[in-house]
């Protein structure tokens, strides 16, 4: 399959949910406890834990437990890979749209 990448698929799956995107945005500022991450959401702590499990399974975060506190930290690498994928697609799309514009304007170089 063209452009098939399980890690990229996992990254986009993780980022497909607004709660998980908000958690990633918070962790971009630095590590945080689960309690801190859960505070702004009107959902239960177990629901937040499920989101954290998805993020950890997708490789976007890591967590460690010290005593009774679980702390999460962002793994930037998958996000950087997704950014690079989008940047490459943008270059391709821009080139195709430029060619289409030239064709519609009658400036096609192959005529």
C-alpha atoms as a PDB file:
ATOM      1  CA  UNK A   1       0.000   0.000   0.000  1.00  0.00           C
ATOM      2  CA  UNK A   2       1.254   3.458  -0.896  1.00  0.00           C
ATOM      3  CA  UNK A   3       2.601   5.463   2.061  1.00  0.00           C
ATOM      4  CA  UNK A   4       1.660   2.728   4.515  1.00  0.00           C
ATOM      5  CA  UNK A   5       3.291   3.267   7.877  1.00  0.00           C
ATOM      6  CA  UNK A   6       1.901   1.650  11.032  1.00  0.00           C
ATOM      7  CA  UNK A   7       3.584   4.244  13.255  1.00  0.00           C
ATOM      8  CA  UNK A   8       2.193   7.135  11.213  1.00  0.00           C
ATOM      9  CA  UNK A   9      -1.264   5.537  11.286  1.00  0.00           C
ATOM     10  CA  UNK A  10      -1.008   5.215  15.076  1.00  0.00           C
ATOM     11  CA  UNK A  11       0.013   8.865  15.402  1.00  0.00           C
ATOM     12  CA  UNK A  12      -2.947  10.099  13.355  1.00  0.00           C
ATOM     13  CA  UNK A  13      -5.284   7.777  15.263  1.00  0.00           C
ATOM     14  CA  UNK A  14      -4.023   9.227  18.551  1.00  0.00           C
ATOM     15  CA  UNK A  15      -4.472  12.780  17.302  1.00  0.00           C
ATOM     16  CA  UNK A  16      -7.952  12.127  15.886  1.00  0.00           C
ATOM     17  CA  UNK A  17      -9.607  12.795  19.244  1.00  0.00           C
ATOM     18  CA  UNK A  18      -9.872  16.334  20.684  1.00  0.00           C
ATOM     19  CA  UNK A  19      -9.239  15.178  24.260  1.00  0.00           C
ATOM     20  CA  UNK A  20      -6.051  13.390  23.227  1.00  0.00           C
ATOM     21  CA  UNK A  21      -4.916  16.429  21.208  1.00  0.00           C
ATOM     22  CA  UNK A  22      -5.468  18.616  24.276  1.00  0.00           C
ATOM     23  CA  UNK A  23      -3.430  16.196  26.397  1.00  0.00           C
ATOM     24  CA  UNK A  24      -0.624  16.265  23.821  1.00  0.00           C
ATOM     25  CA  UNK A  25      -0.721  20.078  23.781  1.00  0.00           C
ATOM     26  CA  UNK A  26      -0.455  20.164  27.584  1.00  0.00           C
ATOM     27  CA  UNK A  27       2.428  17.680  27.592  1.00  0.00           C
ATOM     28  CA  UNK A  28       4.246  19.826  25.008  1.00  0.00           C
ATOM     29  CA  UNK A  29       4.782  22.257  27.898  1.00  0.00           C
ATOM     30  CA  UNK A  30       6.377  19.546  30.051  1.00  0.00           C
ATOM     31  CA  UNK A  31       5.632  16.368  31.938  1.00  0.00           C
ATOM     32  CA  UNK A  32       2.536  16.221  34.132  1.00  0.00           C
ATOM     33  CA  UNK A  33       0.763  13.894  36.507  1.00  0.00           C
ATOM     34  CA  UNK A  34      -2.384  12.087  35.425  1.00  0.00           C
ATOM     35  CA  UNK A  35      -4.346  14.135  37.962  1.00  0.00           C
ATOM     36  CA  UNK A  36      -3.057  17.376  36.421  1.00  0.00           C
ATOM     37  CA  UNK A  37      -3.844  16.145  32.907  1.00  0.00           C
ATOM     38  CA  UNK A  38      -7.367  15.099  33.908  1.00  0.00           C
ATOM     39  CA  UNK A  39      -8.275  18.339  35.721  1.00  0.00           C
ATOM     40  CA  UNK A  40      -9.511  20.419  32.752  1.00  0.00           C
ATOM     41  CA  UNK A  41     -11.784  17.711  31.322  1.00  0.00           C
ATOM     42  CA  UNK A  42     -15.442  17.133  32.263  1.00  0.00           C
ATOM     43  CA  UNK A  43     -14.910  13.362  32.085  1.00  0.00           C
ATOM     44  CA  UNK A  44     -14.033  10.750  34.674  1.00  0.00           C
ATOM     45  CA  UNK A  45     -10.478   9.858  35.628  1.00  0.00           C
ATOM     46  CA  UNK A  46     -10.922   6.343  34.163  1.00  0.00           C
ATOM     47  CA  UNK A  47     -11.951   7.929  30.844  1.00  0.00           C
ATOM     48  CA  UNK A  48      -8.810  10.089  30.868  1.00  0.00           C
ATOM     49  CA  UNK A  49      -6.765   6.976  31.657  1.00  0.00           C
ATOM     50  CA  UNK A  50      -8.186   5.294  28.545  1.00  0.00           C
ATOM     51  CA  UNK A  51      -7.057   8.265  26.436  1.00  0.00           C
ATOM     52  CA  UNK A  52      -3.603   8.063  28.022  1.00  0.00           C
ATOM     53  CA  UNK A  53      -3.435   4.353  27.222  1.00  0.00           C
ATOM     54  CA  UNK A  54      -4.189   5.095  23.556  1.00  0.00           C
ATOM     55  CA  UNK A  55      -1.489   7.784  23.495  1.00  0.00           C
ATOM     56  CA  UNK A  56       1.032   5.482  25.138  1.00  0.00           C
ATOM     57  CA  UNK A  57       0.197   2.555  22.839  1.00  0.00           C
ATOM     58  CA  UNK A  58       0.627   4.914  19.874  1.00  0.00           C
ATOM     59  CA  UNK A  59       4.042   5.968  21.128  1.00  0.00           C
ATOM     60  CA  UNK A  60       3.138   9.625  21.663  1.00  0.00           C
ATOM     61  CA  UNK A  61       3.659   9.549  25.417  1.00  0.00           C
ATOM     62  CA  UNK A  62       5.544   7.598  28.032  1.00  0.00           C
ATOM     63  CA  UNK A  63       4.571   7.270  31.672  1.00  0.00           C
ATOM     64  CA  UNK A  64       6.239   6.278  34.886  1.00  0.00           C
ATOM     65  CA  UNK A  65       4.895   5.646  38.326  1.00  0.00           C
ATOM     66  CA  UNK A  66       6.617   6.993  41.414  1.00  0.00           C
ATOM     67  CA  UNK A  67       4.778   6.009  44.553  1.00  0.00           C
ATOM     68  CA  UNK A  68       1.116   6.756  43.957  1.00  0.00           C
ATOM     69  CA  UNK A  69       1.720   9.350  41.223  1.00  0.00           C
ATOM     70  CA  UNK A  70       1.823   8.472  37.539  1.00  0.00           C
ATOM     71  CA  UNK A  71       3.627  11.074  35.447  1.00  0.00           C
ATOM     72  CA  UNK A  72       3.346  11.347  31.671  1.00  0.00           C
ATOM     73  CA  UNK A  73       5.810  12.827  29.215  1.00  0.00           C
ATOM     74  CA  UNK A  74       5.505  13.619  25.502  1.00  0.00           C
ATOM     75  CA  UNK A  75       7.506  11.681  22.938  1.00  0.00           C
ATOM     76  CA  UNK A  76       8.018  14.233  20.164  1.00  0.00           C
ATOM     77  CA  UNK A  77       9.395  11.856  17.519  1.00  0.00           C
ATOM     78  CA  UNK A  78       6.055  10.517  16.195  1.00  0.00           C
ATOM     79  CA  UNK A  79       4.712  14.061  15.907  1.00  0.00           C
ATOM     80  CA  UNK A  80       7.824  15.186  14.032  1.00  0.00           C
ATOM     81  CA  UNK A  81       7.395  12.249  11.644  1.00  0.00           C
ATOM     82  CA  UNK A  82       3.765  13.218  11.018  1.00  0.00           C
ATOM     83  CA  UNK A  83       4.836  16.812  10.434  1.00  0.00           C
ATOM     84  CA  UNK A  84       7.428  15.677   7.895  1.00  0.00           C
ATOM     85  CA  UNK A  85       4.846  13.507   6.121  1.00  0.00           C
ATOM     86  CA  UNK A  86       2.459  16.485   5.864  1.00  0.00           C
ATOM     87  CA  UNK A  87       5.246  18.783   4.680  1.00  0.00           C
ATOM     88  CA  UNK A  88       6.112  16.324   1.884  1.00  0.00           C
ATOM     89  CA  UNK A  89       2.456  15.990   0.891  1.00  0.00           C
ATOM     90  CA  UNK A  90       2.087  19.768   0.847  1.00  0.00           C
ATOM     91  CA  UNK A  91       4.983  20.094  -1.603  1.00  0.00           C
ATOM     92  CA  UNK A  92       3.382  17.517  -3.897  1.00  0.00           C
ATOM     93  CA  UNK A  93      -0.069  19.093  -3.652  1.00  0.00           C
ATOM     94  CA  UNK A  94       1.315  22.585  -4.287  1.00  0.00           C
ATOM     95  CA  UNK A  95       3.124  21.381  -7.398  1.00  0.00           C
ATOM     96  CA  UNK A  96      -0.023  19.672  -8.703  1.00  0.00           C
ATOM     97  CA  UNK A  97      -2.182  22.731  -8.071  1.00  0.00           C
ATOM     98  CA  UNK A  98       0.397  24.967  -9.778  1.00  0.00           C
ATOM     99  CA  UNK A  99       0.357  22.682 -12.820  1.00  0.00           C
ATOM    100  CA  UNK A 100      -3.449  22.713 -12.852  1.00  0.00           C
ATOM    101  CA  UNK A 101      -3.489  26.502 -12.609  1.00  0.00           C
ATOM    102  CA  UNK A 102      -1.054  26.757 -15.520  1.00  0.00           C
ATOM    103  CA  UNK A 103      -3.143  24.341 -17.561  1.00  0.00           C
ATOM    104  CA  UNK A 104      -6.343  26.289 -16.871  1.00  0.00           C
ATOM    105  CA  UNK A 105      -4.605  29.569 -17.708  1.00  0.00           C
ATOM    106  CA  UNK A 106      -3.302  28.104 -20.975  1.00  0.00           C
ATOM    107  CA  UNK A 107       0.326  28.324 -19.815  1.00  0.00           C
ATOM    108  CA  UNK A 108       0.980  24.588 -19.889  1.00  0.00           C
ATOM    109  CA  UNK A 109       4.667  24.086 -20.727  1.00  0.00           C
ATOM    110  CA  UNK A 110       3.978  20.895 -22.655  1.00  0.00           C
ATOM    111  CA  UNK A 111       1.814  22.571 -25.337  1.00  0.00           C
END
